[in-house]
N, C-alpha and C. Protein backbone atom coordinates (compact mmCIF):
# COMPACT_ATOMS: atom_id res chain seq x y z
N MET A 1 -11.19 6.20 -23.44
CA MET A 1 -10.37 6.34 -22.23
C MET A 1 -8.91 6.13 -22.56
N SER A 2 -8.04 6.88 -21.89
CA SER A 2 -6.60 6.71 -22.07
C SER A 2 -6.14 5.46 -21.33
N ILE A 3 -4.89 5.06 -21.60
CA ILE A 3 -4.36 3.85 -20.96
C ILE A 3 -4.28 4.03 -19.45
N VAL A 4 -3.96 5.25 -19.00
CA VAL A 4 -3.89 5.51 -17.55
C VAL A 4 -5.27 5.37 -16.92
N GLU A 5 -6.28 5.91 -17.61
CA GLU A 5 -7.64 5.81 -17.09
C GLU A 5 -8.12 4.36 -17.06
N ILE A 6 -7.80 3.61 -18.12
CA ILE A 6 -8.21 2.20 -18.17
C ILE A 6 -7.55 1.41 -17.05
N LEU A 7 -6.25 1.64 -16.84
CA LEU A 7 -5.55 0.96 -15.76
C LEU A 7 -6.12 1.36 -14.40
N GLY A 8 -6.48 2.63 -14.25
CA GLY A 8 -7.06 3.09 -13.00
C GLY A 8 -8.40 2.44 -12.73
N VAL A 9 -9.23 2.33 -13.77
CA VAL A 9 -10.53 1.67 -13.61
C VAL A 9 -10.34 0.20 -13.27
N ALA A 10 -9.42 -0.47 -13.97
CA ALA A 10 -9.16 -1.89 -13.71
C ALA A 10 -8.67 -2.11 -12.28
N ALA A 11 -7.77 -1.24 -11.82
CA ALA A 11 -7.25 -1.37 -10.46
C ALA A 11 -8.36 -1.12 -9.43
N SER A 12 -9.18 -0.11 -9.67
CA SER A 12 -10.25 0.21 -8.73
C SER A 12 -11.26 -0.93 -8.63
N VAL A 13 -11.67 -1.46 -9.79
CA VAL A 13 -12.66 -2.53 -9.80
C VAL A 13 -12.09 -3.80 -9.16
N SER A 14 -10.82 -4.10 -9.42
CA SER A 14 -10.20 -5.29 -8.83
C SER A 14 -10.14 -5.18 -7.31
N LEU A 15 -9.75 -4.00 -6.82
CA LEU A 15 -9.69 -3.81 -5.37
C LEU A 15 -11.08 -3.88 -4.75
N LEU A 16 -12.07 -3.29 -5.42
CA LEU A 16 -13.44 -3.33 -4.90
C LEU A 16 -14.01 -4.75 -4.95
N ALA A 17 -13.50 -5.57 -5.87
CA ALA A 17 -13.94 -6.97 -5.94
C ALA A 17 -13.55 -7.72 -4.67
N GLY A 18 -12.52 -7.26 -3.99
CA GLY A 18 -12.14 -7.86 -2.72
C GLY A 18 -13.15 -7.58 -1.63
N TRP A 19 -14.01 -6.58 -1.85
CA TRP A 19 -15.08 -6.27 -0.90
C TRP A 19 -16.41 -6.85 -1.36
N ARG A 20 -16.78 -6.52 -2.60
CA ARG A 20 -18.09 -6.90 -3.13
C ARG A 20 -17.91 -7.42 -4.56
N LEU A 21 -17.50 -8.67 -4.70
CA LEU A 21 -17.20 -9.24 -6.01
C LEU A 21 -18.42 -9.25 -6.92
N TYR A 22 -19.53 -9.74 -6.41
CA TYR A 22 -20.70 -9.93 -7.28
C TYR A 22 -21.28 -8.61 -7.75
N LEU A 23 -21.19 -7.60 -6.91
CA LEU A 23 -21.62 -6.26 -7.33
C LEU A 23 -20.74 -5.75 -8.46
N CYS A 24 -19.43 -6.01 -8.36
CA CYS A 24 -18.49 -5.58 -9.41
C CYS A 24 -18.74 -6.34 -10.71
N VAL A 25 -19.01 -7.64 -10.62
CA VAL A 25 -19.30 -8.44 -11.82
C VAL A 25 -20.56 -7.91 -12.49
N LEU A 26 -21.59 -7.65 -11.70
CA LEU A 26 -22.85 -7.14 -12.25
C LEU A 26 -22.66 -5.79 -12.91
N ALA A 27 -21.95 -4.89 -12.23
CA ALA A 27 -21.74 -3.55 -12.77
C ALA A 27 -20.88 -3.58 -14.04
N THR A 28 -19.85 -4.44 -14.05
CA THR A 28 -19.00 -4.56 -15.24
C THR A 28 -19.78 -5.16 -16.40
N GLY A 29 -20.63 -6.14 -16.11
CA GLY A 29 -21.47 -6.71 -17.16
C GLY A 29 -22.40 -5.68 -17.77
N ILE A 30 -22.98 -4.85 -16.93
CA ILE A 30 -23.86 -3.78 -17.42
C ILE A 30 -23.06 -2.79 -18.27
N ALA A 31 -21.85 -2.44 -17.79
CA ALA A 31 -21.01 -1.49 -18.53
C ALA A 31 -20.61 -2.05 -19.89
N MET A 32 -20.33 -3.36 -19.95
CA MET A 32 -19.97 -3.98 -21.23
C MET A 32 -21.18 -4.07 -22.15
N ARG A 33 -22.31 -4.43 -21.58
CA ARG A 33 -23.52 -4.61 -22.39
C ARG A 33 -23.97 -3.29 -23.01
N THR A 34 -23.76 -2.19 -22.28
CA THR A 34 -24.12 -0.87 -22.80
C THR A 34 -23.02 -0.27 -23.67
N GLY A 35 -21.86 -0.97 -23.75
CA GLY A 35 -20.77 -0.48 -24.59
C GLY A 35 -19.87 0.52 -23.93
N TYR A 36 -20.09 0.77 -22.62
CA TYR A 36 -19.24 1.75 -21.94
C TYR A 36 -17.83 1.22 -21.77
N VAL A 37 -17.71 -0.07 -21.51
CA VAL A 37 -16.39 -0.72 -21.41
C VAL A 37 -16.24 -1.65 -22.60
N PRO A 38 -15.50 -1.22 -23.66
CA PRO A 38 -15.33 -2.08 -24.84
C PRO A 38 -14.48 -3.29 -24.51
N LEU A 39 -14.90 -4.45 -25.00
CA LEU A 39 -14.18 -5.68 -24.73
C LEU A 39 -13.08 -5.89 -25.76
N PRO A 40 -11.81 -6.09 -25.35
CA PRO A 40 -10.74 -6.37 -26.29
C PRO A 40 -11.02 -7.62 -27.11
N THR A 41 -10.56 -7.64 -28.35
CA THR A 41 -10.82 -8.76 -29.25
C THR A 41 -10.25 -10.06 -28.70
N HIS A 42 -9.02 -10.00 -28.17
CA HIS A 42 -8.37 -11.22 -27.71
C HIS A 42 -8.97 -11.74 -26.40
N LEU A 43 -9.89 -10.96 -25.79
CA LEU A 43 -10.55 -11.40 -24.57
C LEU A 43 -12.05 -11.52 -24.79
N ALA A 44 -12.42 -11.89 -26.01
CA ALA A 44 -13.84 -11.96 -26.36
C ALA A 44 -14.58 -12.97 -25.50
N SER A 45 -13.86 -13.97 -24.98
CA SER A 45 -14.52 -14.97 -24.15
C SER A 45 -15.10 -14.36 -22.87
N LEU A 46 -14.55 -13.22 -22.44
CA LEU A 46 -15.04 -12.58 -21.23
C LEU A 46 -16.32 -11.79 -21.46
N ALA A 47 -16.81 -11.81 -22.70
CA ALA A 47 -18.11 -11.18 -22.98
C ALA A 47 -19.21 -11.89 -22.21
N VAL A 48 -18.89 -13.05 -21.65
CA VAL A 48 -19.87 -13.78 -20.85
C VAL A 48 -20.34 -12.96 -19.67
N LEU A 49 -19.52 -12.00 -19.21
CA LEU A 49 -19.92 -11.15 -18.09
C LEU A 49 -21.15 -10.32 -18.43
N ALA A 50 -21.34 -10.03 -19.73
CA ALA A 50 -22.49 -9.25 -20.16
C ALA A 50 -23.69 -10.12 -20.52
N ASN A 51 -23.54 -11.43 -20.35
CA ASN A 51 -24.66 -12.34 -20.61
C ASN A 51 -25.77 -12.11 -19.59
N PRO A 52 -27.01 -12.01 -20.02
CA PRO A 52 -28.11 -11.75 -19.07
C PRO A 52 -28.19 -12.78 -17.95
N TRP A 53 -27.90 -14.06 -18.26
CA TRP A 53 -27.95 -15.08 -17.23
C TRP A 53 -26.85 -14.88 -16.19
N VAL A 54 -25.65 -14.55 -16.67
CA VAL A 54 -24.54 -14.29 -15.74
C VAL A 54 -24.84 -13.07 -14.89
N MET A 55 -25.37 -12.03 -15.52
CA MET A 55 -25.73 -10.83 -14.76
C MET A 55 -26.83 -11.13 -13.75
N GLY A 56 -27.77 -12.01 -14.12
CA GLY A 56 -28.83 -12.38 -13.20
C GLY A 56 -28.30 -13.13 -11.99
N VAL A 57 -27.40 -14.10 -12.25
CA VAL A 57 -26.79 -14.85 -11.15
C VAL A 57 -25.96 -13.93 -10.26
N ALA A 58 -25.21 -13.01 -10.89
CA ALA A 58 -24.41 -12.06 -10.12
C ALA A 58 -25.31 -11.17 -9.26
N GLY A 59 -26.46 -10.80 -9.81
CA GLY A 59 -27.39 -9.99 -9.04
C GLY A 59 -27.94 -10.73 -7.83
N VAL A 60 -28.32 -11.99 -8.04
CA VAL A 60 -28.82 -12.81 -6.92
C VAL A 60 -27.73 -13.00 -5.87
N ALA A 61 -26.50 -13.29 -6.32
CA ALA A 61 -25.38 -13.48 -5.39
C ALA A 61 -25.07 -12.19 -4.64
N ALA A 62 -25.21 -11.05 -5.32
CA ALA A 62 -24.97 -9.76 -4.67
C ALA A 62 -25.99 -9.52 -3.55
N VAL A 63 -27.23 -9.91 -3.80
CA VAL A 63 -28.26 -9.77 -2.77
C VAL A 63 -27.97 -10.70 -1.59
N ALA A 64 -27.57 -11.95 -1.89
CA ALA A 64 -27.23 -12.89 -0.83
C ALA A 64 -26.05 -12.38 0.00
N GLU A 65 -25.06 -11.81 -0.69
CA GLU A 65 -23.90 -11.27 0.01
C GLU A 65 -24.30 -10.09 0.88
N PHE A 66 -25.23 -9.29 0.39
CA PHE A 66 -25.69 -8.12 1.14
C PHE A 66 -26.24 -8.54 2.50
N PHE A 67 -27.06 -9.59 2.53
CA PHE A 67 -27.66 -10.02 3.78
C PHE A 67 -26.70 -10.85 4.64
N ALA A 68 -25.92 -11.71 4.01
CA ALA A 68 -24.97 -12.54 4.77
C ALA A 68 -23.94 -11.68 5.48
N ASP A 69 -23.60 -10.56 4.87
CA ASP A 69 -22.56 -9.69 5.42
C ASP A 69 -23.04 -8.92 6.64
N LYS A 70 -24.33 -8.98 6.93
CA LYS A 70 -24.88 -8.22 8.07
C LYS A 70 -24.95 -9.05 9.34
N VAL A 71 -24.70 -10.37 9.24
CA VAL A 71 -24.83 -11.26 10.38
C VAL A 71 -23.43 -11.58 10.92
N ALA A 72 -23.25 -11.32 12.21
CA ALA A 72 -21.95 -11.56 12.83
C ALA A 72 -21.53 -13.02 12.69
N TRP A 73 -20.27 -13.23 12.35
CA TRP A 73 -19.62 -14.52 12.15
C TRP A 73 -20.08 -15.23 10.88
N LEU A 74 -21.32 -15.03 10.45
CA LEU A 74 -21.70 -15.54 9.14
C LEU A 74 -20.93 -14.80 8.06
N ASP A 75 -20.68 -13.49 8.31
CA ASP A 75 -19.89 -12.72 7.35
C ASP A 75 -18.46 -13.23 7.28
N SER A 76 -17.90 -13.63 8.42
CA SER A 76 -16.53 -14.18 8.41
C SER A 76 -16.49 -15.52 7.68
N LEU A 77 -17.55 -16.33 7.87
CA LEU A 77 -17.63 -17.60 7.14
C LEU A 77 -17.73 -17.33 5.64
N TRP A 78 -18.53 -16.36 5.27
CA TRP A 78 -18.67 -15.97 3.86
C TRP A 78 -17.33 -15.51 3.31
N ASP A 79 -16.60 -14.70 4.09
CA ASP A 79 -15.28 -14.22 3.66
C ASP A 79 -14.31 -15.38 3.48
N SER A 80 -14.37 -16.37 4.39
CA SER A 80 -13.46 -17.51 4.28
C SER A 80 -13.71 -18.29 3.00
N VAL A 81 -14.98 -18.50 2.67
CA VAL A 81 -15.33 -19.23 1.44
C VAL A 81 -14.85 -18.47 0.21
N HIS A 82 -14.83 -17.13 0.29
CA HIS A 82 -14.49 -16.31 -0.87
C HIS A 82 -13.01 -15.91 -0.91
N THR A 83 -12.19 -16.53 -0.09
CA THR A 83 -10.76 -16.20 -0.10
C THR A 83 -10.12 -16.50 -1.44
N VAL A 84 -10.59 -17.52 -2.13
CA VAL A 84 -10.09 -17.85 -3.46
C VAL A 84 -10.95 -17.21 -4.55
N ILE A 85 -12.26 -17.16 -4.30
CA ILE A 85 -13.18 -16.67 -5.33
C ILE A 85 -12.97 -15.20 -5.65
N ARG A 86 -12.81 -14.37 -4.62
CA ARG A 86 -12.67 -12.93 -4.86
C ARG A 86 -11.38 -12.57 -5.61
N PRO A 87 -10.21 -13.11 -5.23
CA PRO A 87 -9.01 -12.80 -6.02
C PRO A 87 -9.11 -13.26 -7.47
N LEU A 88 -9.69 -14.44 -7.69
CA LEU A 88 -9.85 -14.92 -9.06
C LEU A 88 -10.80 -14.01 -9.83
N GLY A 89 -11.89 -13.61 -9.18
CA GLY A 89 -12.81 -12.69 -9.83
C GLY A 89 -12.18 -11.34 -10.11
N GLY A 90 -11.38 -10.84 -9.18
CA GLY A 90 -10.70 -9.57 -9.41
C GLY A 90 -9.72 -9.64 -10.57
N ALA A 91 -9.03 -10.78 -10.69
CA ALA A 91 -8.10 -10.96 -11.80
C ALA A 91 -8.83 -10.99 -13.14
N LEU A 92 -9.96 -11.69 -13.19
CA LEU A 92 -10.74 -11.77 -14.44
C LEU A 92 -11.34 -10.42 -14.80
N LEU A 93 -11.75 -9.66 -13.80
CA LEU A 93 -12.29 -8.33 -14.07
C LEU A 93 -11.21 -7.42 -14.63
N ALA A 94 -9.99 -7.54 -14.11
CA ALA A 94 -8.88 -6.74 -14.64
C ALA A 94 -8.62 -7.09 -16.11
N LEU A 95 -8.67 -8.37 -16.44
CA LEU A 95 -8.49 -8.79 -17.83
C LEU A 95 -9.62 -8.28 -18.72
N ALA A 96 -10.82 -8.21 -18.17
CA ALA A 96 -11.97 -7.77 -18.95
C ALA A 96 -11.90 -6.30 -19.29
N ILE A 97 -11.23 -5.52 -18.44
CA ILE A 97 -11.18 -4.07 -18.63
C ILE A 97 -9.93 -3.62 -19.36
N VAL A 98 -8.78 -4.20 -18.98
CA VAL A 98 -7.51 -3.79 -19.58
C VAL A 98 -7.33 -4.44 -20.94
N ASN A 99 -6.75 -3.72 -21.88
CA ASN A 99 -6.49 -4.25 -23.22
C ASN A 99 -4.98 -4.29 -23.46
N PRO A 100 -4.28 -5.27 -22.91
CA PRO A 100 -2.83 -5.36 -23.08
C PRO A 100 -2.46 -5.70 -24.52
N GLN A 101 -1.26 -5.30 -24.91
CA GLN A 101 -0.80 -5.50 -26.28
C GLN A 101 0.06 -6.74 -26.45
N ASP A 102 0.45 -7.38 -25.38
CA ASP A 102 1.28 -8.57 -25.50
C ASP A 102 0.95 -9.53 -24.36
N PRO A 103 1.33 -10.80 -24.50
CA PRO A 103 1.02 -11.80 -23.46
C PRO A 103 1.58 -11.43 -22.09
N ALA A 104 2.75 -10.78 -22.05
CA ALA A 104 3.33 -10.40 -20.77
C ALA A 104 2.42 -9.45 -20.01
N MET A 105 1.83 -8.49 -20.73
CA MET A 105 0.92 -7.55 -20.09
C MET A 105 -0.35 -8.24 -19.63
N GLN A 106 -0.77 -9.27 -20.36
CA GLN A 106 -1.95 -10.03 -19.95
C GLN A 106 -1.70 -10.71 -18.61
N VAL A 107 -0.50 -11.30 -18.46
CA VAL A 107 -0.14 -11.96 -17.22
C VAL A 107 -0.05 -10.94 -16.08
N ILE A 108 0.55 -9.79 -16.36
CA ILE A 108 0.69 -8.75 -15.34
C ILE A 108 -0.68 -8.26 -14.88
N ALA A 109 -1.58 -8.02 -15.83
CA ALA A 109 -2.93 -7.57 -15.48
C ALA A 109 -3.64 -8.60 -14.62
N PHE A 110 -3.48 -9.88 -14.98
CA PHE A 110 -4.13 -10.95 -14.22
C PHE A 110 -3.58 -11.03 -12.80
N LEU A 111 -2.25 -10.98 -12.66
CA LEU A 111 -1.63 -11.09 -11.34
C LEU A 111 -1.92 -9.89 -10.46
N LEU A 112 -1.83 -8.69 -11.04
CA LEU A 112 -2.08 -7.48 -10.26
C LEU A 112 -3.55 -7.38 -9.86
N GLY A 113 -4.44 -7.77 -10.76
CA GLY A 113 -5.86 -7.75 -10.44
C GLY A 113 -6.19 -8.71 -9.31
N GLY A 114 -5.65 -9.93 -9.41
CA GLY A 114 -5.87 -10.91 -8.35
C GLY A 114 -5.21 -10.52 -7.05
N GLY A 115 -4.01 -9.98 -7.15
CA GLY A 115 -3.31 -9.55 -5.93
C GLY A 115 -4.02 -8.40 -5.24
N GLY A 116 -4.52 -7.44 -6.03
CA GLY A 116 -5.25 -6.33 -5.44
C GLY A 116 -6.53 -6.78 -4.75
N ALA A 117 -7.26 -7.69 -5.40
CA ALA A 117 -8.49 -8.22 -4.80
C ALA A 117 -8.18 -9.00 -3.53
N LEU A 118 -7.09 -9.78 -3.55
CA LEU A 118 -6.72 -10.56 -2.36
C LEU A 118 -6.34 -9.64 -1.21
N LEU A 119 -5.62 -8.56 -1.51
CA LEU A 119 -5.22 -7.62 -0.48
C LEU A 119 -6.44 -6.94 0.14
N ALA A 120 -7.36 -6.48 -0.72
CA ALA A 120 -8.57 -5.84 -0.22
C ALA A 120 -9.42 -6.83 0.58
N HIS A 121 -9.50 -8.06 0.09
CA HIS A 121 -10.26 -9.09 0.79
C HIS A 121 -9.65 -9.36 2.17
N GLY A 122 -8.33 -9.43 2.24
CA GLY A 122 -7.68 -9.67 3.52
C GLY A 122 -7.93 -8.55 4.51
N GLY A 123 -7.87 -7.30 4.03
CA GLY A 123 -8.16 -6.18 4.91
C GLY A 123 -9.59 -6.19 5.41
N LYS A 124 -10.52 -6.49 4.51
CA LYS A 124 -11.93 -6.56 4.89
C LYS A 124 -12.19 -7.68 5.89
N ALA A 125 -11.69 -8.88 5.58
CA ALA A 125 -11.93 -10.03 6.45
C ALA A 125 -11.31 -9.83 7.82
N GLY A 126 -10.11 -9.26 7.86
CA GLY A 126 -9.46 -9.02 9.14
C GLY A 126 -10.21 -8.01 9.98
N ALA A 127 -10.64 -6.93 9.34
CA ALA A 127 -11.38 -5.90 10.07
C ALA A 127 -12.72 -6.42 10.59
N ARG A 128 -13.40 -7.22 9.76
CA ARG A 128 -14.70 -7.73 10.17
C ARG A 128 -14.57 -8.75 11.30
N ALA A 129 -13.48 -9.51 11.32
CA ALA A 129 -13.26 -10.45 12.42
C ALA A 129 -13.09 -9.70 13.73
N VAL A 130 -12.43 -8.55 13.69
CA VAL A 130 -12.27 -7.74 14.89
C VAL A 130 -13.62 -7.16 15.32
N VAL A 131 -14.40 -6.67 14.35
CA VAL A 131 -15.71 -6.10 14.67
C VAL A 131 -16.62 -7.16 15.27
N ASN A 132 -16.52 -8.39 14.79
CA ASN A 132 -17.36 -9.48 15.30
C ASN A 132 -17.07 -9.81 16.76
N ALA A 133 -15.90 -9.39 17.23
CA ALA A 133 -15.57 -9.65 18.63
C ALA A 133 -16.39 -8.78 19.57
N SER A 134 -17.03 -7.75 19.03
CA SER A 134 -17.88 -6.88 19.84
C SER A 134 -19.15 -7.62 20.22
N PRO A 135 -19.60 -7.53 21.47
CA PRO A 135 -20.78 -8.29 21.90
C PRO A 135 -22.09 -7.80 21.31
N GLU A 136 -22.17 -6.53 20.92
CA GLU A 136 -23.43 -6.02 20.36
C GLU A 136 -23.42 -6.18 18.84
N PRO A 137 -24.60 -6.34 18.21
CA PRO A 137 -24.68 -6.65 16.78
C PRO A 137 -24.70 -5.43 15.87
N PHE A 138 -24.88 -4.25 16.44
CA PHE A 138 -25.12 -3.07 15.61
C PHE A 138 -23.87 -2.59 14.87
N SER A 139 -22.70 -2.76 15.49
CA SER A 139 -21.47 -2.32 14.84
C SER A 139 -21.22 -3.11 13.57
N ASN A 140 -21.56 -4.40 13.59
CA ASN A 140 -21.37 -5.24 12.40
C ASN A 140 -22.26 -4.77 11.25
N ILE A 141 -23.52 -4.46 11.57
CA ILE A 141 -24.45 -3.98 10.54
C ILE A 141 -23.99 -2.62 10.02
N LEU A 142 -23.51 -1.77 10.91
CA LEU A 142 -23.08 -0.44 10.51
C LEU A 142 -21.87 -0.50 9.58
N VAL A 143 -20.89 -1.33 9.93
CA VAL A 143 -19.69 -1.46 9.10
C VAL A 143 -20.04 -2.06 7.74
N SER A 144 -20.90 -3.09 7.73
CA SER A 144 -21.30 -3.72 6.48
C SER A 144 -22.04 -2.74 5.58
N SER A 145 -22.92 -1.93 6.16
CA SER A 145 -23.66 -0.94 5.37
C SER A 145 -22.72 0.10 4.79
N ALA A 146 -21.71 0.50 5.58
CA ALA A 146 -20.73 1.45 5.09
C ALA A 146 -19.95 0.86 3.90
N GLU A 147 -19.64 -0.44 3.97
CA GLU A 147 -18.96 -1.10 2.86
C GLU A 147 -19.85 -1.13 1.62
N ASP A 148 -21.14 -1.37 1.81
CA ASP A 148 -22.08 -1.38 0.68
C ASP A 148 -22.10 -0.03 -0.03
N VAL A 149 -22.26 1.02 0.76
CA VAL A 149 -22.34 2.38 0.19
C VAL A 149 -21.03 2.76 -0.48
N ALA A 150 -19.90 2.47 0.19
CA ALA A 150 -18.59 2.83 -0.36
C ALA A 150 -18.31 2.06 -1.64
N SER A 151 -18.63 0.76 -1.66
CA SER A 151 -18.37 -0.06 -2.84
C SER A 151 -19.18 0.43 -4.04
N ALA A 152 -20.49 0.63 -3.83
CA ALA A 152 -21.35 1.08 -4.92
C ALA A 152 -20.96 2.48 -5.39
N GLY A 153 -20.69 3.36 -4.44
CA GLY A 153 -20.34 4.73 -4.81
C GLY A 153 -19.01 4.83 -5.55
N LEU A 154 -17.98 4.15 -5.04
CA LEU A 154 -16.67 4.20 -5.68
C LEU A 154 -16.67 3.50 -7.03
N LEU A 155 -17.45 2.43 -7.14
CA LEU A 155 -17.54 1.72 -8.42
C LEU A 155 -18.19 2.60 -9.47
N ALA A 156 -19.27 3.25 -9.10
CA ALA A 156 -19.94 4.17 -10.03
C ALA A 156 -19.03 5.33 -10.39
N LEU A 157 -18.30 5.84 -9.41
CA LEU A 157 -17.39 6.96 -9.66
C LEU A 157 -16.26 6.56 -10.60
N ALA A 158 -15.73 5.35 -10.42
CA ALA A 158 -14.63 4.89 -11.27
C ALA A 158 -15.08 4.73 -12.72
N TYR A 159 -16.31 4.23 -12.94
CA TYR A 159 -16.80 4.02 -14.30
C TYR A 159 -17.25 5.32 -14.97
N THR A 160 -17.84 6.21 -14.20
CA THR A 160 -18.35 7.44 -14.80
C THR A 160 -17.30 8.54 -14.89
N HIS A 161 -16.26 8.46 -14.05
CA HIS A 161 -15.19 9.46 -14.08
C HIS A 161 -13.84 8.74 -14.07
N PRO A 162 -13.45 8.16 -15.20
CA PRO A 162 -12.19 7.39 -15.26
C PRO A 162 -10.96 8.19 -14.87
N ALA A 163 -11.03 9.52 -15.02
CA ALA A 163 -9.87 10.34 -14.71
C ALA A 163 -9.48 10.27 -13.24
N VAL A 164 -10.44 10.00 -12.37
CA VAL A 164 -10.15 9.92 -10.93
C VAL A 164 -10.01 8.48 -10.46
N ALA A 165 -10.12 7.54 -11.38
CA ALA A 165 -10.07 6.12 -10.99
C ALA A 165 -8.72 5.74 -10.39
N THR A 166 -7.64 6.32 -10.90
CA THR A 166 -6.31 6.02 -10.36
C THR A 166 -6.21 6.47 -8.91
N GLY A 167 -6.76 7.64 -8.62
CA GLY A 167 -6.77 8.12 -7.24
C GLY A 167 -7.60 7.22 -6.34
N ILE A 168 -8.73 6.73 -6.86
CA ILE A 168 -9.57 5.82 -6.09
C ILE A 168 -8.81 4.54 -5.77
N ALA A 169 -8.09 4.01 -6.77
CA ALA A 169 -7.31 2.79 -6.56
C ALA A 169 -6.23 3.01 -5.50
N ALA A 170 -5.57 4.18 -5.54
CA ALA A 170 -4.53 4.47 -4.55
C ALA A 170 -5.11 4.54 -3.14
N VAL A 171 -6.27 5.17 -3.01
CA VAL A 171 -6.92 5.27 -1.70
C VAL A 171 -7.34 3.89 -1.20
N LEU A 172 -7.91 3.07 -2.09
CA LEU A 172 -8.33 1.72 -1.71
C LEU A 172 -7.15 0.86 -1.29
N LEU A 173 -6.04 1.00 -2.01
CA LEU A 173 -4.84 0.23 -1.68
C LEU A 173 -4.32 0.62 -0.30
N ALA A 174 -4.24 1.93 -0.05
CA ALA A 174 -3.78 2.40 1.26
C ALA A 174 -4.73 1.95 2.36
N LEU A 175 -6.04 1.98 2.08
CA LEU A 175 -7.03 1.57 3.07
C LEU A 175 -6.91 0.08 3.38
N ALA A 176 -6.69 -0.74 2.34
CA ALA A 176 -6.56 -2.18 2.55
C ALA A 176 -5.36 -2.51 3.41
N VAL A 177 -4.23 -1.86 3.13
CA VAL A 177 -3.02 -2.10 3.93
C VAL A 177 -3.24 -1.64 5.37
N SER A 178 -3.87 -0.47 5.53
CA SER A 178 -4.12 0.06 6.87
C SER A 178 -5.04 -0.87 7.67
N LEU A 179 -6.07 -1.39 7.01
CA LEU A 179 -6.99 -2.30 7.70
C LEU A 179 -6.28 -3.57 8.17
N LEU A 180 -5.39 -4.08 7.33
CA LEU A 180 -4.63 -5.28 7.72
C LEU A 180 -3.77 -5.01 8.94
N ILE A 181 -3.09 -3.87 8.94
CA ILE A 181 -2.20 -3.53 10.06
C ILE A 181 -2.99 -3.30 11.34
N VAL A 182 -4.06 -2.50 11.24
CA VAL A 182 -4.87 -2.19 12.42
C VAL A 182 -5.55 -3.44 12.96
N ALA A 183 -6.11 -4.26 12.06
CA ALA A 183 -6.78 -5.47 12.50
C ALA A 183 -5.81 -6.41 13.21
N ARG A 184 -4.60 -6.52 12.69
CA ARG A 184 -3.60 -7.39 13.32
C ARG A 184 -3.26 -6.90 14.72
N ARG A 185 -3.10 -5.58 14.86
CA ARG A 185 -2.74 -5.05 16.18
C ARG A 185 -3.88 -5.23 17.18
N ILE A 186 -5.11 -4.95 16.75
CA ILE A 186 -6.26 -5.09 17.66
C ILE A 186 -6.47 -6.56 18.01
N TRP A 187 -6.33 -7.44 17.03
CA TRP A 187 -6.52 -8.86 17.27
C TRP A 187 -5.51 -9.38 18.28
N LYS A 188 -4.26 -8.94 18.16
CA LYS A 188 -3.23 -9.37 19.11
C LYS A 188 -3.52 -8.81 20.50
N ARG A 189 -4.05 -7.58 20.55
CA ARG A 189 -4.36 -6.97 21.84
C ARG A 189 -5.51 -7.69 22.53
N LEU A 190 -6.49 -8.13 21.73
CA LEU A 190 -7.66 -8.78 22.31
C LEU A 190 -7.42 -10.24 22.65
N PHE A 191 -6.71 -10.93 21.77
CA PHE A 191 -6.61 -12.38 21.92
C PHE A 191 -5.18 -12.88 22.06
N GLY A 192 -4.22 -11.99 22.06
CA GLY A 192 -2.83 -12.41 22.15
C GLY A 192 -2.52 -13.00 23.53
N THR A 193 -1.65 -13.96 23.53
CA THR A 193 -1.27 -14.58 24.81
C THR A 193 -0.25 -13.71 25.52
N ARG A 194 -0.47 -13.57 26.80
CA ARG A 194 0.47 -12.81 27.59
C ARG A 194 1.69 -13.67 27.92
N GLU A 195 2.80 -12.98 27.99
CA GLU A 195 4.03 -13.71 28.33
C GLU A 195 3.96 -14.16 29.80
N ALA A 196 4.38 -15.37 29.99
CA ALA A 196 4.38 -15.91 31.36
C ALA A 196 5.41 -15.19 32.21
N ARG A 197 4.97 -14.77 33.40
CA ARG A 197 5.88 -14.09 34.29
C ARG A 197 6.71 -15.10 35.08
N PRO A 198 7.97 -14.80 35.31
CA PRO A 198 8.80 -15.74 36.08
C PRO A 198 8.30 -15.81 37.53
N PRO A 199 8.42 -16.98 38.16
CA PRO A 199 7.98 -17.10 39.56
C PRO A 199 8.82 -16.22 40.45
N PRO A 200 8.20 -15.68 41.52
CA PRO A 200 8.98 -14.81 42.42
C PRO A 200 10.11 -15.58 43.08
N SER A 201 11.23 -14.93 43.23
CA SER A 201 12.39 -15.58 43.86
C SER A 201 12.19 -15.67 45.35
N SER A 202 12.57 -16.78 45.93
CA SER A 202 12.41 -16.98 47.38
C SER A 202 13.54 -16.34 48.15
């Protein structure tokens, strides 16, 4: 893969980690174990992602996340707990994929990976909080299922077709920003305090 393709894959996986971290860890571990994603020498410690035990734990956590994400308000609680975990995981995944040539690039990859995951996580959490305000439970299940399909599909597409990974990252970034903006507007409309009207003059 070229440097542009590698950066595109790293950006895509980091952003997707903001949605489904454990699925991304599991998929990256499989990709490393099969040799599809070569591990840089200076990041050999991250070979732990390809460890069968780590992959097993990631698989169990992915299943737990799958079900927790379908229950209204439990998904928001899950998102709150993962506000730190997902960005850190996204940063580590970026380091595992990108092969920087100097320490400065290592720091940049770590910060951008974590920032991308945090942005995607914020968009997801904000949107799901708005969906949870709906009295019926089906919209929550529908949105969560759509996230499952999109995460798995885009992750597979980024790994199998690195040439389009940059485009995937751009779309995910735009989607994350849009979700944050829309969620903020809807949240203010639903729960925002109305300005107090002045008393009528006598």
